[in-house]
N, C-alpha and C. Protein backbone atom coordinates (compact mmCIF):
# COMPACT_ATOMS: atom_id res chain seq x y z
N MET A 1 -9.03 43.61 46.54
CA MET A 1 -8.79 43.07 45.47
C MET A 1 -10.77 42.61 45.16
N SER A 2 -10.78 42.96 43.81
CA SER A 2 -12.00 43.18 43.11
C SER A 2 -12.44 41.36 43.10
N ALA A 3 -13.59 41.01 43.53
CA ALA A 3 -13.80 39.80 42.71
C ALA A 3 -13.82 39.28 41.35
N THR A 4 -14.00 40.21 40.31
CA THR A 4 -13.25 40.34 39.50
C THR A 4 -11.82 39.66 38.93
N ILE A 5 -11.48 40.48 39.80
CA ILE A 5 -9.44 39.88 39.62
C ILE A 5 -9.81 38.47 39.92
N ILE A 6 -9.80 38.57 41.20
CA ILE A 6 -9.91 36.98 41.75
C ILE A 6 -10.34 36.05 41.17
N TRP A 7 -11.50 36.33 39.95
CA TRP A 7 -11.93 35.19 39.43
C TRP A 7 -11.31 35.17 38.06
N LEU A 8 -10.50 35.72 37.79
CA LEU A 8 -9.32 35.96 36.42
C LEU A 8 -8.66 35.43 36.86
N ILE A 9 -8.02 35.55 37.98
CA ILE A 9 -6.86 34.73 38.71
C ILE A 9 -6.86 33.42 38.03
N VAL A 10 -8.49 33.15 38.88
CA VAL A 10 -8.66 31.41 39.37
C VAL A 10 -9.06 30.32 37.98
N ALA A 11 -9.41 31.46 36.57
CA ALA A 11 -9.30 31.48 35.22
C ALA A 11 -8.08 31.28 34.70
N LEU A 12 -7.58 32.24 35.07
CA LEU A 12 -6.39 31.67 34.62
C LEU A 12 -5.34 31.15 34.35
N GLY A 13 -5.17 30.63 35.55
CA GLY A 13 -4.74 29.91 36.78
C GLY A 13 -5.25 28.43 36.51
N VAL A 14 -6.09 27.60 35.65
CA VAL A 14 -6.61 26.60 35.56
C VAL A 14 -6.43 26.51 33.71
N VAL A 15 -6.35 27.38 33.32
CA VAL A 15 -5.86 27.45 32.01
C VAL A 15 -4.56 26.84 31.97
N LEU A 16 -3.63 27.58 32.82
CA LEU A 16 -2.30 27.55 32.90
C LEU A 16 -2.09 26.11 33.16
N LEU A 17 -2.93 25.14 34.20
CA LEU A 17 -3.19 24.43 34.43
C LEU A 17 -3.05 23.06 33.17
N SER A 18 -3.91 23.43 32.74
CA SER A 18 -4.91 22.25 31.57
C SER A 18 -3.53 22.65 30.76
N ILE A 19 -2.73 23.80 30.56
CA ILE A 19 -1.92 23.52 29.15
C ILE A 19 -0.66 22.72 30.61
N LEU A 20 -0.35 22.46 31.46
CA LEU A 20 0.71 21.72 31.43
C LEU A 20 0.82 20.33 31.83
N PHE A 21 -1.21 19.83 31.67
CA PHE A 21 -1.49 18.79 32.36
C PHE A 21 -2.19 18.04 31.22
N GLY A 22 -2.78 18.62 30.00
CA GLY A 22 -3.04 17.93 29.14
C GLY A 22 -4.62 18.27 29.41
N GLN A 23 -5.34 17.14 29.03
CA GLN A 23 -6.94 16.87 29.54
C GLN A 23 -7.37 16.42 30.48
N SER A 24 -6.02 16.19 31.02
CA SER A 24 -6.75 15.46 32.97
C SER A 24 -7.43 16.34 33.79
N ILE A 25 -6.90 18.25 33.35
CA ILE A 25 -7.17 18.74 34.72
C ILE A 25 -8.99 19.44 34.31
N TRP A 26 -9.02 18.73 33.14
CA TRP A 26 -10.84 19.10 33.18
C TRP A 26 -11.56 17.91 32.73
N ARG A 27 -11.21 16.97 33.35
CA ARG A 27 -12.52 15.92 34.06
C ARG A 27 -12.88 16.07 34.62
N PRO A 28 -12.58 16.93 36.06
CA PRO A 28 -13.70 16.78 37.44
C PRO A 28 -13.76 17.92 37.21
N VAL A 29 -13.79 19.09 36.63
CA VAL A 29 -14.31 20.06 36.21
C VAL A 29 -15.77 19.39 35.42
N LYS A 30 -15.89 18.90 34.39
CA LYS A 30 -16.85 18.15 33.65
C LYS A 30 -17.83 17.19 34.63
N TRP A 31 -16.83 16.71 35.25
CA TRP A 31 -17.94 15.82 36.48
C TRP A 31 -18.44 17.09 37.73
N LEU A 32 -17.83 18.15 38.02
CA LEU A 32 -19.43 19.09 38.95
C LEU A 32 -19.99 19.62 38.00
N GLY A 33 -19.38 20.40 36.62
CA GLY A 33 -20.76 20.23 35.44
C GLY A 33 -21.79 19.60 35.93
N TYR A 34 -21.54 18.38 35.26
CA TYR A 34 -22.81 17.07 35.08
C TYR A 34 -23.68 17.36 36.38
N GLY A 35 -23.00 17.50 37.21
CA GLY A 35 -23.74 17.57 38.91
C GLY A 35 -24.49 18.77 39.12
N LEU A 36 -23.48 19.49 38.97
CA LEU A 36 -24.35 20.77 38.87
C LEU A 36 -25.99 20.95 38.16
N PHE A 37 -25.42 20.96 37.02
CA PHE A 37 -26.64 20.65 36.02
C PHE A 37 -27.70 19.21 36.18
N LYS A 38 -27.50 18.11 36.92
CA LYS A 38 -28.33 17.87 37.47
C LYS A 38 -29.09 17.94 38.87
N VAL A 39 -28.41 18.71 39.41
CA VAL A 39 -29.05 19.70 40.68
C VAL A 39 -29.85 20.19 40.72
N ALA A 40 -29.41 21.86 39.69
CA ALA A 40 -30.78 22.03 38.76
C ALA A 40 -31.62 21.57 37.90
N MET A 41 -31.86 20.13 37.40
CA MET A 41 -33.00 20.21 36.86
C MET A 41 -33.74 19.48 38.25
N GLY A 42 -33.64 19.12 39.29
CA GLY A 42 -34.36 18.34 40.03
C GLY A 42 -34.47 19.85 41.06
N ALA A 43 -34.12 20.09 40.77
CA ALA A 43 -34.73 22.01 41.09
C ALA A 43 -35.68 22.04 40.16
N LEU A 44 -35.65 22.42 39.23
CA LEU A 44 -36.99 22.35 38.28
C LEU A 44 -37.66 21.74 38.55
N LEU A 45 -37.23 20.54 38.59
CA LEU A 45 -38.57 18.94 38.81
C LEU A 45 -39.10 19.66 39.91
N LEU A 46 -39.00 19.84 40.67
CA LEU A 46 -39.62 20.42 42.16
C LEU A 46 -40.79 21.53 42.43
N PHE A 47 -39.54 22.32 41.27
CA PHE A 47 -40.80 23.87 41.25
C PHE A 47 -42.04 23.48 40.04
N VAL A 48 -41.99 22.29 39.50
CA VAL A 48 -43.06 21.71 38.57
C VAL A 48 -44.31 21.30 38.91
N PHE A 49 -43.51 20.09 40.17
CA PHE A 49 -44.33 19.71 41.08
C PHE A 49 -44.58 20.31 42.30
N ASN A 50 -44.17 21.98 43.12
CA ASN A 50 -44.88 22.54 43.66
C ASN A 50 -45.90 23.34 42.80
N SER A 51 -45.68 23.91 41.72
CA SER A 51 -46.80 24.39 41.14
C SER A 51 -48.33 23.78 40.98
N PHE A 52 -48.30 22.36 40.53
CA PHE A 52 -49.44 21.45 41.02
C PHE A 52 -49.81 21.28 42.04
N GLY A 53 -49.00 20.92 43.08
CA GLY A 53 -48.89 20.38 44.51
C GLY A 53 -49.70 21.49 45.64
N GLY A 54 -49.46 22.79 44.70
CA GLY A 54 -49.92 23.81 45.70
C GLY A 54 -51.45 24.32 45.88
N TYR A 55 -52.01 23.67 44.83
CA TYR A 55 -53.49 22.92 44.70
C TYR A 55 -54.37 22.96 46.10
N TYR A 56 -53.42 21.29 45.90
CA TYR A 56 -53.29 20.59 47.06
C TYR A 56 -53.14 20.86 48.91
N ASP A 57 -52.65 22.00 48.75
CA ASP A 57 -51.41 22.04 49.57
C ASP A 57 -50.88 21.27 49.94
N PHE A 58 -49.83 20.76 49.07
CA PHE A 58 -48.26 19.88 49.71
C PHE A 58 -47.54 20.22 48.92
N THR A 59 -46.40 20.59 48.87
CA THR A 59 -45.17 21.38 48.66
C THR A 59 -44.41 20.52 49.29
N ILE A 60 -43.28 20.23 48.34
CA ILE A 60 -41.72 20.08 48.81
C ILE A 60 -40.90 20.98 48.95
N PRO A 61 -40.18 21.63 49.64
CA PRO A 61 -39.38 22.32 49.85
C PRO A 61 -38.29 22.11 48.97
N ILE A 62 -37.66 23.76 48.23
CA ILE A 62 -36.85 23.01 46.71
C ILE A 62 -35.62 24.03 47.92
N ASN A 63 -34.63 23.04 48.21
CA ASN A 63 -33.29 23.32 48.91
C ASN A 63 -31.78 22.22 48.02
N PRO A 64 -31.07 22.65 48.37
CA PRO A 64 -30.00 21.97 47.85
C PRO A 64 -30.22 19.95 47.95
N ILE A 65 -30.66 19.74 49.44
CA ILE A 65 -30.47 17.74 49.55
C ILE A 65 -31.86 17.74 48.42
N THR A 66 -33.00 18.64 48.50
CA THR A 66 -34.18 17.56 47.73
C THR A 66 -34.02 18.55 46.22
N ALA A 67 -33.30 18.96 45.81
CA ALA A 67 -32.36 19.31 44.56
C ALA A 67 -31.94 17.66 43.91
N ALA A 68 -30.95 17.95 45.01
CA ALA A 68 -30.22 16.79 44.84
C ALA A 68 -30.64 15.93 44.46
N LEU A 69 -31.10 15.35 45.06
CA LEU A 69 -32.36 13.62 45.37
C LEU A 69 -33.59 13.65 44.12
N SER A 70 -33.70 14.94 43.89
CA SER A 70 -34.86 13.80 42.68
C SER A 70 -34.12 14.74 41.21
N GLY A 71 -32.90 15.40 41.50
CA GLY A 71 -32.26 15.57 40.76
C GLY A 71 -31.26 14.28 39.76
N PHE A 72 -30.87 13.12 40.81
CA PHE A 72 -30.05 12.35 40.60
C PHE A 72 -30.61 11.18 40.53
N LEU A 73 -31.68 11.50 41.37
CA LEU A 73 -32.76 9.57 40.98
C LEU A 73 -33.79 9.86 40.08
N GLY A 74 -34.25 11.19 39.27
CA GLY A 74 -35.49 11.75 38.45
C GLY A 74 -36.68 11.78 39.32
N ILE A 75 -37.44 10.80 38.74
CA ILE A 75 -38.92 10.61 39.26
C ILE A 75 -39.47 9.92 40.32
N PRO A 76 -38.11 8.93 39.95
CA PRO A 76 -38.34 8.02 41.81
C PRO A 76 -38.08 8.71 42.88
N GLY A 77 -37.36 9.41 42.83
CA GLY A 77 -36.68 10.52 43.17
C GLY A 77 -37.60 11.14 43.97
N LEU A 78 -38.25 12.00 43.10
CA LEU A 78 -39.21 12.98 43.50
C LEU A 78 -40.57 12.18 44.52
N ALA A 79 -41.04 10.86 43.34
CA ALA A 79 -42.08 10.19 44.73
C ALA A 79 -41.40 9.80 45.87
N ALA A 80 -39.92 9.14 46.41
CA ALA A 80 -40.12 9.18 47.42
C ALA A 80 -40.03 10.63 48.46
N LEU A 81 -39.59 11.90 48.14
CA LEU A 81 -39.91 12.53 48.39
C LEU A 81 -41.42 13.04 49.03
N ALA A 82 -42.36 12.77 48.08
CA ALA A 82 -42.90 12.58 48.43
C ALA A 82 -43.66 12.10 49.44
N VAL A 83 -43.19 10.54 49.24
CA VAL A 83 -43.91 9.59 50.42
C VAL A 83 -43.37 10.22 51.66
N ILE A 84 -42.31 10.51 51.90
CA ILE A 84 -41.16 10.71 53.20
C ILE A 84 -41.98 11.38 53.64
N LYS A 85 -43.07 12.83 52.94
CA LYS A 85 -43.17 14.66 53.27
C LYS A 85 -44.19 13.94 53.80
N GLY A 86 -45.39 13.07 52.59
CA GLY A 86 -46.48 12.22 53.21
C GLY A 86 -46.92 11.26 54.09
N TYR A 87 -45.61 10.75 54.90
CA TYR A 87 -45.72 9.63 56.00
C TYR A 87 -45.19 10.48 57.33
N PHE A 88 -43.89 11.18 56.87
CA PHE A 88 -43.31 12.07 58.77
C PHE A 88 -44.45 13.51 59.13
N ILE A 89 -44.55 14.26 57.78
CA ILE A 89 -45.05 15.69 58.16
C ILE A 89 -46.08 15.56 57.92
């Protein structure tokens, strides 16, 4: 079975569940989208930090954990990652 057909069946199932249960099915999807947006913004924040930190040979690796931390906590999370990296490594 092709991956496209599987995703089409999953999408059809979500639409049918939303019709049966009303708006209650979209709430977890909204929270999941919000979380993924925050992680993407954290990755972007780390990318900008690494662009400037590369001149001083100080970069923070971009992975899901660091992106989530800097995405959900913002600048204080990025500062905490920088302190942790500077202290332990």
